[in-house]
Amino acid sequence: MNLPLTTPTRHDGHQHTEPTVDTTPPTRSKVSGILAAVACAACCALPLLIAAGVLTTAGAAILEKALFAVAAGLVVAALGMWWLHRRRSVQRAAAAAGASCGCGGGGCGC
């Protein structure tokens, strides 16, 4: 009976793991996006508020412009926070990769 030989593996004591990069949007970015969606929904509800007599046409026109500006600002803020979060996460992962192995840089020659 012949059994296949297994190749011995050398283990020198330290592991080479790639640090993970968090690409999910942070909570503050999600909240900002939800608030932008609420502002858009409120803008879409303006005709109903006019029909119900809660708002005048002039008030709705002013409120529409304000809600549009608020929604646009919140969307820009949400995307900016997500971009900044991803950038910092990548920088932390790169710093951790350089610090985890004493071999330097990305190409570990241990």
C-alpha atoms as a PDB file:
ATOM      1  CA  MET A   1       0.000   0.000   0.000  1.00  0.00           C
ATOM      2  CA  ASN A   2       1.513   3.301  -1.094  1.00  0.00           C
ATOM      3  CA  LEU A   3       0.532   6.480   0.694  1.00  0.00           C
ATOM      4  CA  PRO A   4       1.251   9.884  -0.808  1.00  0.00           C
ATOM      5  CA  LEU A   5       3.954  11.801   0.923  1.00  0.00           C
ATOM      6  CA  THR A   6       3.079  15.165   2.345  1.00  0.00           C
ATOM      7  CA  THR A   7       5.452  18.013   1.806  1.00  0.00           C
ATOM      8  CA  PRO A   8       6.687  19.377   5.108  1.00  0.00           C
ATOM      9  CA  THR A   9       5.810  23.016   5.642  1.00  0.00           C
ATOM     10  CA  ARG A  10       8.141  25.428   7.323  1.00  0.00           C
ATOM     11  CA  HIS A  11       6.638  27.702   9.947  1.00  0.00           C
ATOM     12  CA  ASP A  12       8.897  30.516  11.080  1.00  0.00           C
ATOM     13  CA  GLY A  13       6.633  31.912  13.811  1.00  0.00           C
ATOM     14  CA  HIS A  14       4.971  34.941  12.270  1.00  0.00           C
ATOM     15  CA  GLN A  15       1.890  35.140  10.170  1.00  0.00           C
ATOM     16  CA  HIS A  16       1.414  37.268   7.091  1.00  0.00           C
ATOM     17  CA  THR A  17      -2.185  38.422   7.071  1.00  0.00           C
ATOM     18  CA  GLU A  18      -3.512  41.211   4.954  1.00  0.00           C
ATOM     19  CA  PRO A  19      -5.155  43.924   7.021  1.00  0.00           C
ATOM     20  CA  THR A  20      -8.784  44.459   6.129  1.00  0.00           C
ATOM     21  CA  VAL A  21     -10.088  47.672   4.644  1.00  0.00           C
ATOM     22  CA  ASP A  22     -13.531  48.740   5.868  1.00  0.00           C
ATOM     23  CA  THR A  23     -15.464  49.904   2.798  1.00  0.00           C
ATOM     24  CA  THR A  24     -18.914  50.014   4.356  1.00  0.00           C
ATOM     25  CA  PRO A  25     -20.396  53.457   4.921  1.00  0.00           C
ATOM     26  CA  PRO A  26     -20.078  54.722   8.491  1.00  0.00           C
ATOM     27  CA  THR A  27     -23.165  55.309  10.624  1.00  0.00           C
ATOM     28  CA  ARG A  28     -22.917  59.095  10.354  1.00  0.00           C
ATOM     29  CA  SER A  29     -22.975  58.786   6.572  1.00  0.00           C
ATOM     30  CA  LYS A  30     -26.031  56.514   6.691  1.00  0.00           C
ATOM     31  CA  VAL A  31     -27.856  58.962   8.972  1.00  0.00           C
ATOM     32  CA  SER A  32     -27.044  61.848   6.650  1.00  0.00           C
ATOM     33  CA  GLY A  33     -28.328  59.844   3.679  1.00  0.00           C
ATOM     34  CA  ILE A  34     -31.548  58.980   5.498  1.00  0.00           C
ATOM     35  CA  LEU A  35     -32.096  62.642   6.395  1.00  0.00           C
ATOM     36  CA  ALA A  36     -31.548  63.567   2.732  1.00  0.00           C
ATOM     37  CA  ALA A  37     -34.206  61.018   1.735  1.00  0.00           C
ATOM     38  CA  VAL A  38     -36.596  62.469   4.324  1.00  0.00           C
ATOM     39  CA  ALA A  39     -35.999  65.968   2.919  1.00  0.00           C
ATOM     40  CA  CYS A  40     -36.754  64.660  -0.585  1.00  0.00           C
ATOM     41  CA  ALA A  41     -39.940  62.979   0.656  1.00  0.00           C
ATOM     42  CA  ALA A  42     -41.017  66.210   2.340  1.00  0.00           C
ATOM     43  CA  CYS A  43     -40.421  68.046  -0.924  1.00  0.00           C
ATOM     44  CA  CYS A  44     -42.613  65.541  -2.733  1.00  0.00           C
ATOM     45  CA  ALA A  45     -45.329  66.009  -0.109  1.00  0.00           C
ATOM     46  CA  LEU A  46     -45.575  69.766  -0.737  1.00  0.00           C
ATOM     47  CA  PRO A  47     -48.435  69.500  -3.276  1.00  0.00           C
ATOM     48  CA  LEU A  48     -50.449  67.535  -0.726  1.00  0.00           C
ATOM     49  CA  LEU A  49     -49.794  70.191   1.909  1.00  0.00           C
ATOM     50  CA  ILE A  50     -50.937  72.902  -0.512  1.00  0.00           C
ATOM     51  CA  ALA A  51     -54.108  70.947  -1.315  1.00  0.00           C
ATOM     52  CA  ALA A  52     -54.798  70.460   2.384  1.00  0.00           C
ATOM     53  CA  GLY A  53     -54.480  74.185   2.942  1.00  0.00           C
ATOM     54  CA  VAL A  54     -51.503  73.889   5.291  1.00  0.00           C
ATOM     55  CA  LEU A  55     -49.195  75.863   2.983  1.00  0.00           C
ATOM     56  CA  THR A  56     -49.701  78.661   0.531  1.00  0.00           C
ATOM     57  CA  THR A  57     -48.196  78.466  -2.913  1.00  0.00           C
ATOM     58  CA  ALA A  58     -45.575  81.095  -2.098  1.00  0.00           C
ATOM     59  CA  GLY A  59     -44.631  79.317   1.135  1.00  0.00           C
ATOM     60  CA  ALA A  60     -44.355  76.026  -0.703  1.00  0.00           C
ATOM     61  CA  ALA A  61     -42.088  77.586  -3.335  1.00  0.00           C
ATOM     62  CA  ILE A  62     -39.733  78.902  -0.662  1.00  0.00           C
ATOM     63  CA  LEU A  63     -39.851  75.635   1.271  1.00  0.00           C
ATOM     64  CA  GLU A  64     -39.183  73.648  -1.906  1.00  0.00           C
ATOM     65  CA  LYS A  65     -35.967  75.566  -2.606  1.00  0.00           C
ATOM     66  CA  ALA A  66     -34.853  75.211   1.010  1.00  0.00           C
ATOM     67  CA  LEU A  67     -35.581  71.469   1.110  1.00  0.00           C
ATOM     68  CA  PHE A  68     -33.747  70.947  -2.175  1.00  0.00           C
ATOM     69  CA  ALA A  69     -30.686  72.777  -0.824  1.00  0.00           C
ATOM     70  CA  VAL A  70     -30.792  70.841   2.454  1.00  0.00           C
ATOM     71  CA  ALA A  71     -31.134  67.497   0.654  1.00  0.00           C
ATOM     72  CA  ALA A  72     -28.268  68.309  -1.710  1.00  0.00           C
ATOM     73  CA  GLY A  73     -26.076  69.400   1.197  1.00  0.00           C
ATOM     74  CA  LEU A  74     -26.849  66.229   3.133  1.00  0.00           C
ATOM     75  CA  VAL A  75     -26.054  64.027   0.138  1.00  0.00           C
ATOM     76  CA  VAL A  76     -22.731  65.793  -0.393  1.00  0.00           C
ATOM     77  CA  ALA A  77     -21.950  65.476   3.330  1.00  0.00           C
ATOM     78  CA  ALA A  78     -22.828  61.757   3.348  1.00  0.00           C
ATOM     79  CA  LEU A  79     -20.647  61.027   0.334  1.00  0.00           C
ATOM     80  CA  GLY A  80     -17.805  63.113   1.743  1.00  0.00           C
ATOM     81  CA  MET A  81     -17.927  61.302   5.088  1.00  0.00           C
ATOM     82  CA  TRP A  82     -17.955  57.925   3.339  1.00  0.00           C
ATOM     83  CA  TRP A  83     -14.979  58.905   1.182  1.00  0.00           C
ATOM     84  CA  LEU A  84     -13.059  60.173   4.218  1.00  0.00           C
ATOM     85  CA  HIS A  85     -13.873  56.988   6.147  1.00  0.00           C
ATOM     86  CA  ARG A  86     -12.616  54.785   3.297  1.00  0.00           C
ATOM     87  CA  ARG A  87      -9.463  56.884   2.906  1.00  0.00           C
ATOM     88  CA  ARG A  88      -8.640  56.656   6.612  1.00  0.00           C
ATOM     89  CA  SER A  89      -9.392  52.925   6.647  1.00  0.00           C
ATOM     90  CA  VAL A  90      -7.025  52.311   3.743  1.00  0.00           C
ATOM     91  CA  GLN A  91      -4.313  54.382   5.420  1.00  0.00           C
ATOM     92  CA  ARG A  92      -4.751  52.461   8.691  1.00  0.00           C
ATOM     93  CA  ALA A  93      -4.583  49.141   6.839  1.00  0.00           C
ATOM     94  CA  ALA A  94      -1.435  50.228   4.993  1.00  0.00           C
ATOM     95  CA  ALA A  95       0.190  51.341   8.232  1.00  0.00           C
ATOM     96  CA  ALA A  96      -0.768  48.066   9.913  1.00  0.00           C
ATOM     97  CA  ALA A  97       0.671  46.074   7.014  1.00  0.00           C
ATOM     98  CA  GLY A  98       3.975  47.889   7.318  1.00  0.00           C
ATOM     99  CA  ALA A  99       4.087  47.467  11.095  1.00  0.00           C
ATOM    100  CA  SER A 100       2.997  43.816  11.284  1.00  0.00           C
ATOM    101  CA  CYS A 101       5.956  42.437   9.397  1.00  0.00           C
ATOM    102  CA  GLY A 102       9.489  43.529  10.122  1.00  0.00           C
ATOM    103  CA  CYS A 103      10.451  42.938   6.526  1.00  0.00           C
ATOM    104  CA  GLY A 104       9.241  46.370   5.387  1.00  0.00           C
ATOM    105  CA  GLY A 105       6.877  47.480   2.632  1.00  0.00           C
ATOM    106  CA  GLY A 106       4.403  45.361   0.765  1.00  0.00           C
ATOM    107  CA  GLY A 107       6.737  42.666  -0.596  1.00  0.00           C
ATOM    108  CA  CYS A 108       7.726  40.578   2.384  1.00  0.00           C
ATOM    109  CA  GLY A 109      10.857  38.593   1.706  1.00  0.00           C
ATOM    110  CA  CYS A 110      11.028  36.644   4.977  1.00  0.00           C
END
